Amino acid sequence: MQENTGKLPHRPFRHIPMHVVYRLKGSLPVNVIERLRQERSRLYANRGNDKAGSEIAQEEFEVLLDNALHTESNGPYHLSDPAIATAVLDSWHFIAERLGLFIYAICVMSNHVHVIARSASGEDIDAGLIMGRHKSFTGKLCNRIMGQPSGPFWEVSYFDRDIRAGTFDTVMWYVLNNPVKCNLVAHWEDWPWTYLNPEFDALYRRSKQ
Protein backbone atom coordinates (compact mmCIF):
# COMPACT_ATOMS: atom_id res chain seq x y z
CA MET A 1 0.00 0.00 0.00
CA GLN A 2 1.13 3.45 -0.81
CA GLU A 3 0.43 6.41 -2.90
CA ASN A 4 2.61 4.84 -5.56
CA THR A 5 5.25 7.33 -6.67
CA GLY A 6 6.33 5.47 -9.77
CA LYS A 7 9.72 4.77 -8.15
CA LEU A 8 8.44 1.69 -6.34
CA PRO A 9 7.30 -1.59 -7.94
CA HIS A 10 3.71 -1.33 -9.12
CA ARG A 11 1.06 -3.71 -7.90
CA PRO A 12 -0.33 -5.40 -11.05
CA PHE A 13 -3.98 -5.85 -11.88
CA ARG A 14 -4.48 -9.53 -11.10
CA HIS A 15 -7.36 -11.98 -10.87
CA ILE A 16 -8.73 -10.29 -7.75
CA PRO A 17 -10.35 -6.84 -7.60
CA MET A 18 -8.07 -3.88 -6.94
CA HIS A 19 -9.07 -0.41 -5.77
CA VAL A 20 -7.17 2.51 -7.30
CA VAL A 21 -7.43 6.15 -6.23
CA TYR A 22 -5.62 8.88 -8.14
CA ARG A 23 -5.85 12.64 -7.99
CA LEU A 24 -5.23 15.93 -9.74
CA LYS A 25 -1.86 17.63 -9.60
CA GLY A 26 -1.71 19.90 -6.56
CA SER A 27 -4.98 18.62 -5.11
CA LEU A 28 -3.52 18.28 -1.60
CA PRO A 29 -1.37 20.84 0.24
CA VAL A 30 2.18 19.80 1.10
CA ASN A 31 1.49 19.84 4.83
CA VAL A 32 -1.47 17.48 4.38
CA ILE A 33 0.63 15.08 2.31
CA GLU A 34 3.29 15.04 5.03
CA ARG A 35 0.68 14.39 7.71
CA LEU A 36 -0.76 11.52 5.67
CA ARG A 37 2.70 9.98 5.38
CA GLN A 38 3.09 10.14 9.13
CA GLU A 39 -0.37 8.65 9.64
CA ARG A 40 0.46 5.84 7.22
CA SER A 41 3.59 4.98 9.20
CA ARG A 42 1.62 5.04 12.44
CA LEU A 43 -1.07 2.74 11.04
CA TYR A 44 1.49 0.18 9.91
CA ALA A 45 3.27 0.33 13.24
CA ASN A 46 0.00 -0.20 15.12
CA ARG A 47 -1.20 -3.04 12.91
CA GLY A 48 2.03 -5.00 12.79
CA ASN A 49 3.95 -6.44 9.88
CA ASP A 50 1.84 -9.51 9.12
CA LYS A 51 -0.34 -9.70 6.00
CA ALA A 52 -3.65 -9.28 7.84
CA GLY A 53 -2.43 -6.23 9.74
CA SER A 54 -1.01 -4.64 6.59
CA GLU A 55 -4.30 -5.12 4.75
CA ILE A 56 -6.25 -3.40 7.52
CA ALA A 57 -3.71 -0.56 7.60
CA GLN A 58 -4.21 -0.13 3.85
CA GLU A 59 -7.95 0.18 4.31
CA GLU A 60 -7.58 2.70 7.11
CA PHE A 61 -5.14 4.82 5.13
CA GLU A 62 -7.47 4.74 2.14
CA VAL A 63 -10.18 6.39 4.23
CA LEU A 64 -7.75 9.03 5.52
CA LEU A 65 -6.64 9.87 1.97
CA ASP A 66 -10.19 10.08 0.69
CA ASN A 67 -11.31 12.26 3.60
CA ALA A 68 -8.39 14.63 2.99
CA LEU A 69 -9.34 14.96 -0.67
CA HIS A 70 -12.91 15.79 0.34
CA THR A 71 -12.19 18.22 3.16
CA GLU A 72 -8.64 19.60 2.91
CA SER A 73 -8.17 20.31 -0.78
CA ASN A 74 -7.94 23.87 -2.07
CA GLY A 75 -8.33 22.72 -5.66
CA PRO A 76 -7.96 22.36 -8.50
CA TYR A 77 -11.35 20.81 -9.25
CA HIS A 78 -11.02 20.28 -13.00
CA LEU A 79 -12.94 17.00 -12.91
CA SER A 80 -16.16 18.88 -12.12
CA ASP A 81 -16.21 19.91 -15.80
CA PRO A 82 -18.61 17.45 -17.51
CA ALA A 83 -16.44 17.24 -20.63
CA ILE A 84 -13.39 16.34 -18.56
CA ALA A 85 -15.24 13.80 -16.40
CA THR A 86 -16.59 12.18 -19.57
CA ALA A 87 -13.09 12.01 -21.06
CA VAL A 88 -11.83 10.19 -17.96
CA LEU A 89 -14.66 7.65 -18.07
CA ASP A 90 -14.25 7.11 -21.81
CA SER A 91 -10.54 6.46 -21.38
CA TRP A 92 -11.21 3.70 -18.85
CA HIS A 93 -13.73 2.04 -21.15
CA PHE A 94 -11.16 2.12 -23.95
CA ILE A 95 -8.57 0.56 -21.63
CA ALA A 96 -11.01 -2.16 -20.61
CA GLU A 97 -11.68 -3.06 -24.23
CA ARG A 98 -8.14 -2.85 -25.58
CA LEU A 99 -5.99 -3.93 -22.64
CA GLY A 100 -8.11 -6.64 -21.05
CA LEU A 101 -9.29 -4.96 -17.87
CA PHE A 102 -12.56 -5.88 -16.17
CA ILE A 103 -13.99 -2.76 -14.53
CA TYR A 104 -16.46 -3.11 -11.68
CA ALA A 105 -17.01 0.58 -10.94
CA ILE A 106 -15.62 4.07 -11.52
CA CYS A 107 -16.44 7.27 -9.65
CA VAL A 108 -15.10 10.60 -10.91
CA MET A 109 -15.10 13.25 -8.20
CA SER A 110 -14.03 16.89 -8.60
CA ASN A 111 -10.36 16.30 -7.73
CA HIS A 112 -9.85 12.53 -7.71
CA VAL A 113 -11.04 9.27 -9.23
CA HIS A 114 -11.90 5.85 -7.78
CA VAL A 115 -11.61 2.70 -9.91
CA ILE A 116 -12.29 -0.92 -8.96
CA ALA A 117 -10.94 -3.34 -11.56
CA ARG A 118 -9.14 -6.62 -12.18
CA SER A 119 -7.49 -8.46 -15.02
CA ALA A 120 -10.21 -9.87 -17.29
CA SER A 121 -8.14 -12.94 -18.16
CA GLY A 122 -6.62 -13.52 -14.74
CA GLU A 123 -3.14 -12.87 -16.10
CA ASP A 124 -1.18 -10.05 -14.47
CA ILE A 125 -1.47 -6.67 -16.20
CA ASP A 126 1.05 -3.93 -15.52
CA ALA A 127 -0.94 -1.33 -13.57
CA GLY A 128 1.85 1.22 -13.85
CA LEU A 129 1.69 0.98 -17.64
CA ILE A 130 -2.08 1.36 -17.65
CA MET A 131 -2.04 4.30 -15.26
CA GLY A 132 0.74 5.96 -17.23
CA ARG A 133 -1.10 5.66 -20.54
CA HIS A 134 -4.40 6.76 -19.03
CA LYS A 135 -2.90 9.79 -17.32
CA SER A 136 -0.85 10.80 -20.35
CA PHE A 137 -3.79 10.62 -22.75
CA THR A 138 -6.40 12.21 -20.48
CA GLY A 139 -3.97 14.84 -19.20
CA LYS A 140 -3.27 16.12 -22.71
CA LEU A 141 -6.93 15.93 -23.71
CA CYS A 142 -8.19 17.67 -20.58
CA ASN A 143 -5.64 20.46 -20.93
CA ARG A 144 -6.95 21.01 -24.46
CA ILE A 145 -10.54 21.03 -23.20
CA MET A 146 -9.59 23.73 -20.69
CA GLY A 147 -7.72 25.67 -23.37
CA GLN A 148 -4.51 25.75 -21.39
CA PRO A 149 -0.92 24.86 -22.33
CA SER A 150 0.17 21.29 -21.87
CA GLY A 151 1.42 20.65 -18.35
CA PRO A 152 1.01 18.27 -15.41
CA PHE A 153 -2.66 17.43 -14.96
CA TRP A 154 -2.45 14.39 -12.65
CA GLU A 155 -0.22 13.62 -9.71
CA VAL A 156 2.29 10.94 -10.69
CA SER A 157 1.50 9.00 -7.53
CA TYR A 158 -1.61 6.93 -6.95
CA PHE A 159 -3.04 4.70 -4.23
CA ASP A 160 -3.73 1.04 -4.92
CA ARG A 161 -4.64 -2.02 -2.91
CA ASP A 162 -6.03 -5.47 -3.53
CA ILE A 163 -9.50 -5.78 -2.04
CA ARG A 164 -9.42 -8.12 0.92
CA ALA A 165 -11.58 -11.25 0.80
CA GLY A 166 -14.98 -10.62 2.35
CA THR A 167 -14.83 -6.82 1.91
CA PHE A 168 -15.70 -6.41 -1.78
CA ASP A 169 -19.27 -5.30 -1.14
CA THR A 170 -18.11 -2.74 1.44
CA VAL A 171 -15.57 -1.25 -0.98
CA MET A 172 -18.09 -1.14 -3.82
CA TRP A 173 -20.57 0.77 -1.70
CA TYR A 174 -17.80 3.06 -0.49
CA VAL A 175 -16.87 4.00 -4.06
CA LEU A 176 -20.44 4.28 -5.32
CA ASN A 177 -21.48 6.42 -2.36
CA ASN A 178 -18.57 8.87 -2.59
CA PRO A 179 -20.81 11.64 -4.02
CA VAL A 180 -23.46 10.89 -1.39
CA LYS A 181 -20.87 11.20 1.37
CA CYS A 182 -20.08 14.71 0.07
CA ASN A 183 -23.78 15.67 -0.03
CA LEU A 184 -23.66 16.13 -3.79
CA VAL A 185 -26.57 13.77 -4.45
CA ALA A 186 -29.11 11.83 -2.40
CA HIS A 187 -28.34 8.50 -4.09
CA TRP A 188 -25.29 7.35 -6.00
CA GLU A 189 -27.31 6.71 -9.17
CA ASP A 190 -27.99 10.44 -9.38
CA TRP A 191 -24.29 11.19 -9.87
CA PRO A 192 -23.64 11.30 -13.64
CA TRP A 193 -19.92 10.52 -13.39
CA THR A 194 -20.24 7.09 -11.79
CA TYR A 195 -20.03 3.91 -13.84
CA LEU A 196 -21.26 0.54 -12.59
CA ASN A 197 -20.64 -2.59 -14.63
CA PRO A 198 -24.10 -3.78 -15.77
CA GLU A 199 -23.34 -7.26 -14.41
CA PHE A 200 -23.79 -5.77 -10.93
CA ASP A 201 -27.02 -3.84 -11.49
CA ALA A 202 -29.05 -6.34 -9.50
CA LEU A 203 -26.85 -5.83 -6.45
CA TYR A 204 -26.42 -2.08 -6.38
CA ARG A 205 -29.19 -0.31 -8.31
CA ARG A 206 -32.42 0.58 -6.53
CA SER A 207 -34.62 -0.43 -9.44
CA LYS A 208 -32.96 -3.85 -9.55
CA GLN A 209 -32.88 -4.64 -5.84
C-alpha atoms as a PDB file:
ATOM      1  CA  MET A   1       0.000   0.000   0.000  1.00  0.00           C
ATOM      2  CA  GLN A   2       1.129   3.455  -0.806  1.00  0.00           C
ATOM      3  CA  GLU A   3       0.425   6.408  -2.901  1.00  0.00           C
ATOM      4  CA  ASN A   4       2.608   4.843  -5.558  1.00  0.00           C
ATOM      5  CA  THR A   5       5.249   7.328  -6.675  1.00  0.00           C
ATOM      6  CA  GLY A   6       6.331   5.468  -9.772  1.00  0.00           C
ATOM      7  CA  LYS A   7       9.721   4.771  -8.155  1.00  0.00           C
ATOM      8  CA  LEU A   8       8.438   1.688  -6.341  1.00  0.00           C
ATOM      9  CA  PRO A   9       7.297  -1.589  -7.935  1.00  0.00           C
ATOM     10  CA  HIS A  10       3.714  -1.326  -9.123  1.00  0.00           C
ATOM     11  CA  ARG A  11       1.056  -3.710  -7.898  1.00  0.00           C
ATOM     12  CA  PRO A  12      -0.331  -5.395 -11.051  1.00  0.00           C
ATOM     13  CA  PHE A  13      -3.976  -5.853 -11.878  1.00  0.00           C
ATOM     14  CA  ARG A  14      -4.485  -9.527 -11.098  1.00  0.00           C
ATOM     15  CA  HIS A  15      -7.363 -11.981 -10.873  1.00  0.00           C
ATOM     16  CA  ILE A  16      -8.727 -10.292  -7.748  1.00  0.00           C
ATOM     17  CA  PRO A  17     -10.352  -6.835  -7.597  1.00  0.00           C
ATOM     18  CA  MET A  18      -8.067  -3.882  -6.940  1.00  0.00           C
ATOM     19  CA  HIS A  19      -9.071  -0.410  -5.766  1.00  0.00           C
ATOM     20  CA  VAL A  20      -7.167   2.507  -7.297  1.00  0.00           C
ATOM     21  CA  VAL A  21      -7.433   6.149  -6.229  1.00  0.00           C
ATOM     22  CA  TYR A  22      -5.619   8.879  -8.143  1.00  0.00           C
ATOM     23  CA  ARG A  23      -5.853  12.641  -7.992  1.00  0.00           C
ATOM     24  CA  LEU A  24      -5.233  15.925  -9.744  1.00  0.00           C
ATOM     25  CA  LYS A  25      -1.864  17.630  -9.599  1.00  0.00           C
ATOM     26  CA  GLY A  26      -1.713  19.900  -6.564  1.00  0.00           C
ATOM     27  CA  SER A  27      -4.980  18.624  -5.106  1.00  0.00           C
ATOM     28  CA  LEU A  28      -3.516  18.279  -1.601  1.00  0.00           C
ATOM     29  CA  PRO A  29      -1.367  20.839   0.236  1.00  0.00           C
ATOM     30  CA  VAL A  30       2.184  19.796   1.096  1.00  0.00           C
ATOM     31  CA  ASN A  31       1.486  19.844   4.832  1.00  0.00           C
ATOM     32  CA  VAL A  32      -1.475  17.484   4.377  1.00  0.00           C
ATOM     33  CA  ILE A  33       0.629  15.080   2.315  1.00  0.00           C
ATOM     34  CA  GLU A  34       3.286  15.042   5.026  1.00  0.00           C
ATOM     35  CA  ARG A  35       0.678  14.393   7.711  1.00  0.00           C
ATOM     36  CA  LEU A  36      -0.758  11.520   5.669  1.00  0.00           C
ATOM     37  CA  ARG A  37       2.704   9.982   5.377  1.00  0.00           C
ATOM     38  CA  GLN A  38       3.090  10.136   9.133  1.00  0.00           C
ATOM     39  CA  GLU A  39      -0.369   8.646   9.640  1.00  0.00           C
ATOM     40  CA  ARG A  40       0.464   5.844   7.225  1.00  0.00           C
ATOM     41  CA  SER A  41       3.595   4.978   9.200  1.00  0.00           C
ATOM     42  CA  ARG A  42       1.618   5.038  12.436  1.00  0.00           C
ATOM     43  CA  LEU A  43      -1.075   2.744  11.038  1.00  0.00           C
ATOM     44  CA  TYR A  44       1.486   0.180   9.912  1.00  0.00           C
ATOM     45  CA  ALA A  45       3.269   0.326  13.244  1.00  0.00           C
ATOM     46  CA  ASN A  46       0.000  -0.201  15.119  1.00  0.00           C
ATOM     47  CA  ARG A  47      -1.205  -3.039  12.907  1.00  0.00           C
ATOM     48  CA  GLY A  48       2.031  -5.004  12.793  1.00  0.00           C
ATOM     49  CA  ASN A  49       3.953  -6.442   9.877  1.00  0.00           C
ATOM     50  CA  ASP A  50       1.840  -9.506   9.122  1.00  0.00           C
ATOM     51  CA  LYS A  51      -0.340  -9.703   6.003  1.00  0.00           C
ATOM     52  CA  ALA A  52      -3.646  -9.283   7.839  1.00  0.00           C
ATOM     53  CA  GLY A  53      -2.427  -6.234   9.737  1.00  0.00           C
ATOM     54  CA  SER A  54      -1.012  -4.639   6.594  1.00  0.00           C
ATOM     55  CA  GLU A  55      -4.296  -5.123   4.747  1.00  0.00           C
ATOM     56  CA  ILE A  56      -6.245  -3.405   7.519  1.00  0.00           C
ATOM     57  CA  ALA A  57      -3.711  -0.561   7.602  1.00  0.00           C
ATOM     58  CA  GLN A  58      -4.206  -0.128   3.849  1.00  0.00           C
ATOM     59  CA  GLU A  59      -7.953   0.184   4.309  1.00  0.00           C
ATOM     60  CA  GLU A  60      -7.583   2.698   7.113  1.00  0.00           C
ATOM     61  CA  PHE A  61      -5.141   4.820   5.128  1.00  0.00           C
ATOM     62  CA  GLU A  62      -7.465   4.738   2.135  1.00  0.00           C
ATOM     63  CA  VAL A  63     -10.178   6.387   4.235  1.00  0.00           C
ATOM     64  CA  LEU A  64      -7.751   9.035   5.522  1.00  0.00           C
ATOM     65  CA  LEU A  65      -6.638   9.874   1.974  1.00  0.00           C
ATOM     66  CA  ASP A  66     -10.193  10.084   0.690  1.00  0.00           C
ATOM     67  CA  ASN A  67     -11.311  12.261   3.597  1.00  0.00           C
ATOM     68  CA  ALA A  68      -8.391  14.625   2.989  1.00  0.00           C
ATOM     69  CA  LEU A  69      -9.342  14.956  -0.673  1.00  0.00           C
ATOM     70  CA  HIS A  70     -12.906  15.793   0.344  1.00  0.00           C
ATOM     71  CA  THR A  71     -12.194  18.223   3.164  1.00  0.00           C
ATOM     72  CA  GLU A  72      -8.644  19.601   2.913  1.00  0.00           C
ATOM     73  CA  SER A  73      -8.172  20.314  -0.778  1.00  0.00           C
ATOM     74  CA  ASN A  74      -7.937  23.873  -2.074  1.00  0.00           C
ATOM     75  CA  GLY A  75      -8.326  22.724  -5.660  1.00  0.00           C
ATOM     76  CA  PRO A  76      -7.957  22.358  -8.500  1.00  0.00           C
ATOM     77  CA  TYR A  77     -11.349  20.815  -9.249  1.00  0.00           C
ATOM     78  CA  HIS A  78     -11.023  20.285 -12.995  1.00  0.00           C
ATOM     79  CA  LEU A  79     -12.940  16.998 -12.909  1.00  0.00           C
ATOM     80  CA  SER A  80     -16.158  18.877 -12.123  1.00  0.00           C
ATOM     81  CA  ASP A  81     -16.212  19.910 -15.798  1.00  0.00           C
ATOM     82  CA  PRO A  82     -18.612  17.448 -17.505  1.00  0.00           C
ATOM     83  CA  ALA A  83     -16.440  17.236 -20.625  1.00  0.00           C
ATOM     84  CA  ILE A  84     -13.391  16.340 -18.556  1.00  0.00           C
ATOM     85  CA  ALA A  85     -15.244  13.801 -16.403  1.00  0.00           C
ATOM     86  CA  THR A  86     -16.585  12.184 -19.569  1.00  0.00           C
ATOM     87  CA  ALA A  87     -13.085  12.013 -21.060  1.00  0.00           C
ATOM     88  CA  VAL A  88     -11.834  10.192 -17.961  1.00  0.00           C
ATOM     89  CA  LEU A  89     -14.663   7.648 -18.065  1.00  0.00           C
ATOM     90  CA  ASP A  90     -14.252   7.106 -21.809  1.00  0.00           C
ATOM     91  CA  SER A  91     -10.542   6.462 -21.375  1.00  0.00           C
ATOM     92  CA  TRP A  92     -11.214   3.696 -18.846  1.00  0.00           C
ATOM     93  CA  HIS A  93     -13.733   2.043 -21.150  1.00  0.00           C
ATOM     94  CA  PHE A  94     -11.157   2.121 -23.948  1.00  0.00           C
ATOM     95  CA  ILE A  95      -8.573   0.563 -21.629  1.00  0.00           C
ATOM     96  CA  ALA A  96     -11.006  -2.165 -20.613  1.00  0.00           C
ATOM     97  CA  GLU A  97     -11.685  -3.064 -24.233  1.00  0.00           C
ATOM     98  CA  ARG A  98      -8.143  -2.847 -25.577  1.00  0.00           C
ATOM     99  CA  LEU A  99      -5.987  -3.927 -22.645  1.00  0.00           C
ATOM    100  CA  GLY A 100      -8.108  -6.639 -21.047  1.00  0.00           C
ATOM    101  CA  LEU A 101      -9.294  -4.960 -17.874  1.00  0.00           C
ATOM    102  CA  PHE A 102     -12.563  -5.877 -16.174  1.00  0.00           C
ATOM    103  CA  ILE A 103     -13.992  -2.758 -14.529  1.00  0.00           C
ATOM    104  CA  TYR A 104     -16.457  -3.107 -11.682  1.00  0.00           C
ATOM    105  CA  ALA A 105     -17.006   0.575 -10.943  1.00  0.00           C
ATOM    106  CA  ILE A 106     -15.616   4.072 -11.520  1.00  0.00           C
ATOM    107  CA  CYS A 107     -16.442   7.265  -9.652  1.00  0.00           C
ATOM    108  CA  VAL A 108     -15.105  10.599 -10.907  1.00  0.00           C
ATOM    109  CA  MET A 109     -15.098  13.252  -8.199  1.00  0.00           C
ATOM    110  CA  SER A 110     -14.027  16.885  -8.601  1.00  0.00           C
ATOM    111  CA  ASN A 111     -10.362  16.304  -7.728  1.00  0.00           C
ATOM    112  CA  HIS A 112      -9.846  12.534  -7.707  1.00  0.00           C
ATOM    113  CA  VAL A 113     -11.039   9.266  -9.233  1.00  0.00           C
ATOM    114  CA  HIS A 114     -11.897   5.851  -7.779  1.00  0.00           C
ATOM    115  CA  VAL A 115     -11.608   2.699  -9.909  1.00  0.00           C
ATOM    116  CA  ILE A 116     -12.291  -0.918  -8.957  1.00  0.00           C
ATOM    117  CA  ALA A 117     -10.943  -3.335 -11.556  1.00  0.00           C
ATOM    118  CA  ARG A 118      -9.144  -6.619 -12.175  1.00  0.00           C
ATOM    119  CA  SER A 119      -7.492  -8.461 -15.025  1.00  0.00           C
ATOM    120  CA  ALA A 120     -10.210  -9.869 -17.289  1.00  0.00           C
ATOM    121  CA  SER A 121      -8.143 -12.942 -18.157  1.00  0.00           C
ATOM    122  CA  GLY A 122      -6.625 -13.516 -14.740  1.00  0.00           C
ATOM    123  CA  GLU A 123      -3.137 -12.871 -16.105  1.00  0.00           C
ATOM    124  CA  ASP A 124      -1.180 -10.054 -14.473  1.00  0.00           C
ATOM    125  CA  ILE A 125      -1.475  -6.667 -16.201  1.00  0.00           C
ATOM    126  CA  ASP A 126       1.055  -3.927 -15.517  1.00  0.00           C
ATOM    127  CA  ALA A 127      -0.935  -1.333 -13.566  1.00  0.00           C
ATOM    128  CA  GLY A 128       1.853   1.216 -13.850  1.00  0.00           C
ATOM    129  CA  LEU A 129       1.695   0.978 -17.637  1.00  0.00           C
ATOM    130  CA  ILE A 130      -2.085   1.362 -17.654  1.00  0.00           C
ATOM    131  CA  MET A 131      -2.042   4.299 -15.257  1.00  0.00           C
ATOM    132  CA  GLY A 132       0.740   5.962 -17.225  1.00  0.00           C
ATOM    133  CA  ARG A 133      -1.097   5.662 -20.539  1.00  0.00           C
ATOM    134  CA  HIS A 134      -4.398   6.758 -19.033  1.00  0.00           C
ATOM    135  CA  LYS A 135      -2.904   9.794 -17.315  1.00  0.00           C
ATOM    136  CA  SER A 136      -0.855  10.801 -20.345  1.00  0.00           C
ATOM    137  CA  PHE A 137      -3.794  10.622 -22.746  1.00  0.00           C
ATOM    138  CA  THR A 138      -6.401  12.212 -20.481  1.00  0.00           C
ATOM    139  CA  GLY A 139      -3.967  14.840 -19.198  1.00  0.00           C
ATOM    140  CA  LYS A 140      -3.270  16.125 -22.707  1.00  0.00           C
ATOM    141  CA  LEU A 141      -6.931  15.927 -23.707  1.00  0.00           C
ATOM    142  CA  CYS A 142      -8.188  17.672 -20.576  1.00  0.00           C
ATOM    143  CA  ASN A 143      -5.638  20.456 -20.933  1.00  0.00           C
ATOM    144  CA  ARG A 144      -6.953  21.008 -24.461  1.00  0.00           C
ATOM    145  CA  ILE A 145     -10.536  21.027 -23.197  1.00  0.00           C
ATOM    146  CA  MET A 146      -9.589  23.733 -20.692  1.00  0.00           C
ATOM    147  CA  GLY A 147      -7.717  25.665 -23.365  1.00  0.00           C
ATOM    148  CA  GLN A 148      -4.508  25.752 -21.387  1.00  0.00           C
ATOM    149  CA  PRO A 149      -0.923  24.856 -22.327  1.00  0.00           C
ATOM    150  CA  SER A 150       0.173  21.288 -21.868  1.00  0.00           C
ATOM    151  CA  GLY A 151       1.417  20.650 -18.352  1.00  0.00           C
ATOM    152  CA  PRO A 152       1.013  18.275 -15.406  1.00  0.00           C
ATOM    153  CA  PHE A 153      -2.655  17.431 -14.962  1.00  0.00           C
ATOM    154  CA  TRP A 154      -2.450  14.395 -12.652  1.00  0.00           C
ATOM    155  CA  GLU A 155      -0.224  13.623  -9.711  1.00  0.00           C
ATOM    156  CA  VAL A 156       2.289  10.944 -10.690  1.00  0.00           C
ATOM    157  CA  SER A 157       1.504   8.998  -7.528  1.00  0.00           C
ATOM    158  CA  TYR A 158      -1.606   6.927  -6.951  1.00  0.00           C
ATOM    159  CA  PHE A 159      -3.036   4.705  -4.233  1.00  0.00           C
ATOM    160  CA  ASP A 160      -3.734   1.042  -4.920  1.00  0.00           C
ATOM    161  CA  ARG A 161      -4.641  -2.016  -2.907  1.00  0.00           C
ATOM    162  CA  ASP A 162      -6.027  -5.471  -3.528  1.00  0.00           C
ATOM    163  CA  ILE A 163      -9.499  -5.779  -2.036  1.00  0.00           C
ATOM    164  CA  ARG A 164      -9.417  -8.121   0.920  1.00  0.00           C
ATOM    165  CA  ALA A 165     -11.585 -11.253   0.802  1.00  0.00           C
ATOM    166  CA  GLY A 166     -14.984 -10.619   2.353  1.00  0.00           C
ATOM    167  CA  THR A 167     -14.833  -6.822   1.911  1.00  0.00           C
ATOM    168  CA  PHE A 168     -15.695  -6.411  -1.782  1.00  0.00           C
ATOM    169  CA  ASP A 169     -19.272  -5.296  -1.135  1.00  0.00           C
ATOM    170  CA  THR A 170     -18.105  -2.737   1.437  1.00  0.00           C
ATOM    171  CA  VAL A 171     -15.574  -1.246  -0.975  1.00  0.00           C
ATOM    172  CA  MET A 172     -18.087  -1.141  -3.824  1.00  0.00           C
ATOM    173  CA  TRP A 173     -20.574   0.767  -1.695  1.00  0.00           C
ATOM    174  CA  TYR A 174     -17.802   3.058  -0.487  1.00  0.00           C
ATOM    175  CA  VAL A 175     -16.868   3.998  -4.056  1.00  0.00           C
ATOM    176  CA  LEU A 176     -20.442   4.282  -5.321  1.00  0.00           C
ATOM    177  CA  ASN A 177     -21.480   6.419  -2.361  1.00  0.00           C
ATOM    178  CA  ASN A 178     -18.568   8.867  -2.586  1.00  0.00           C
ATOM    179  CA  PRO A 179     -20.805  11.644  -4.021  1.00  0.00           C
ATOM    180  CA  VAL A 180     -23.459  10.885  -1.394  1.00  0.00           C
ATOM    181  CA  LYS A 181     -20.870  11.205   1.365  1.00  0.00           C
ATOM    182  CA  CYS A 182     -20.076  14.706   0.067  1.00  0.00           C
ATOM    183  CA  ASN A 183     -23.778  15.665  -0.027  1.00  0.00           C
ATOM    184  CA  LEU A 184     -23.657  16.127  -3.786  1.00  0.00           C
ATOM    185  CA  VAL A 185     -26.574  13.772  -4.454  1.00  0.00           C
ATOM    186  CA  ALA A 186     -29.108  11.828  -2.405  1.00  0.00           C
ATOM    187  CA  HIS A 187     -28.342   8.501  -4.089  1.00  0.00           C
ATOM    188  CA  TRP A 188     -25.292   7.346  -6.002  1.00  0.00           C
ATOM    189  CA  GLU A 189     -27.314   6.706  -9.169  1.00  0.00           C
ATOM    190  CA  ASP A 190     -27.995  10.444  -9.383  1.00  0.00           C
ATOM    191  CA  TRP A 191     -24.286  11.186  -9.873  1.00  0.00           C
ATOM    192  CA  PRO A 192     -23.636  11.305 -13.643  1.00  0.00           C
ATOM    193  CA  TRP A 193     -19.924  10.520 -13.389  1.00  0.00           C
ATOM    194  CA  THR A 194     -20.240   7.090 -11.791  1.00  0.00           C
ATOM    195  CA  TYR A 195     -20.027   3.907 -13.844  1.00  0.00           C
ATOM    196  CA  LEU A 196     -21.256   0.539 -12.591  1.00  0.00           C
ATOM    197  CA  ASN A 197     -20.635  -2.589 -14.626  1.00  0.00           C
ATOM    198  CA  PRO A 198     -24.098  -3.784 -15.770  1.00  0.00           C
ATOM    199  CA  GLU A 199     -23.337  -7.259 -14.406  1.00  0.00           C
ATOM    200  CA  PHE A 200     -23.788  -5.766 -10.926  1.00  0.00           C
ATOM    201  CA  ASP A 201     -27.021  -3.839 -11.489  1.00  0.00           C
ATOM    202  CA  ALA A 202     -29.050  -6.340  -9.502  1.00  0.00           C
ATOM    203  CA  LEU A 203     -26.847  -5.833  -6.451  1.00  0.00           C
ATOM    204  CA  TYR A 204     -26.419  -2.076  -6.380  1.00  0.00           C
ATOM    205  CA  ARG A 205     -29.188  -0.309  -8.311  1.00  0.00           C
ATOM    206  CA  ARG A 206     -32.419   0.582  -6.528  1.00  0.00           C
ATOM    207  CA  SER A 207     -34.618  -0.431  -9.440  1.00  0.00           C
ATOM    208  CA  LYS A 208     -32.962  -3.848  -9.547  1.00  0.00           C
ATOM    209  CA  GLN A 209     -32.878  -4.643  -5.837  1.00  0.00           C
END
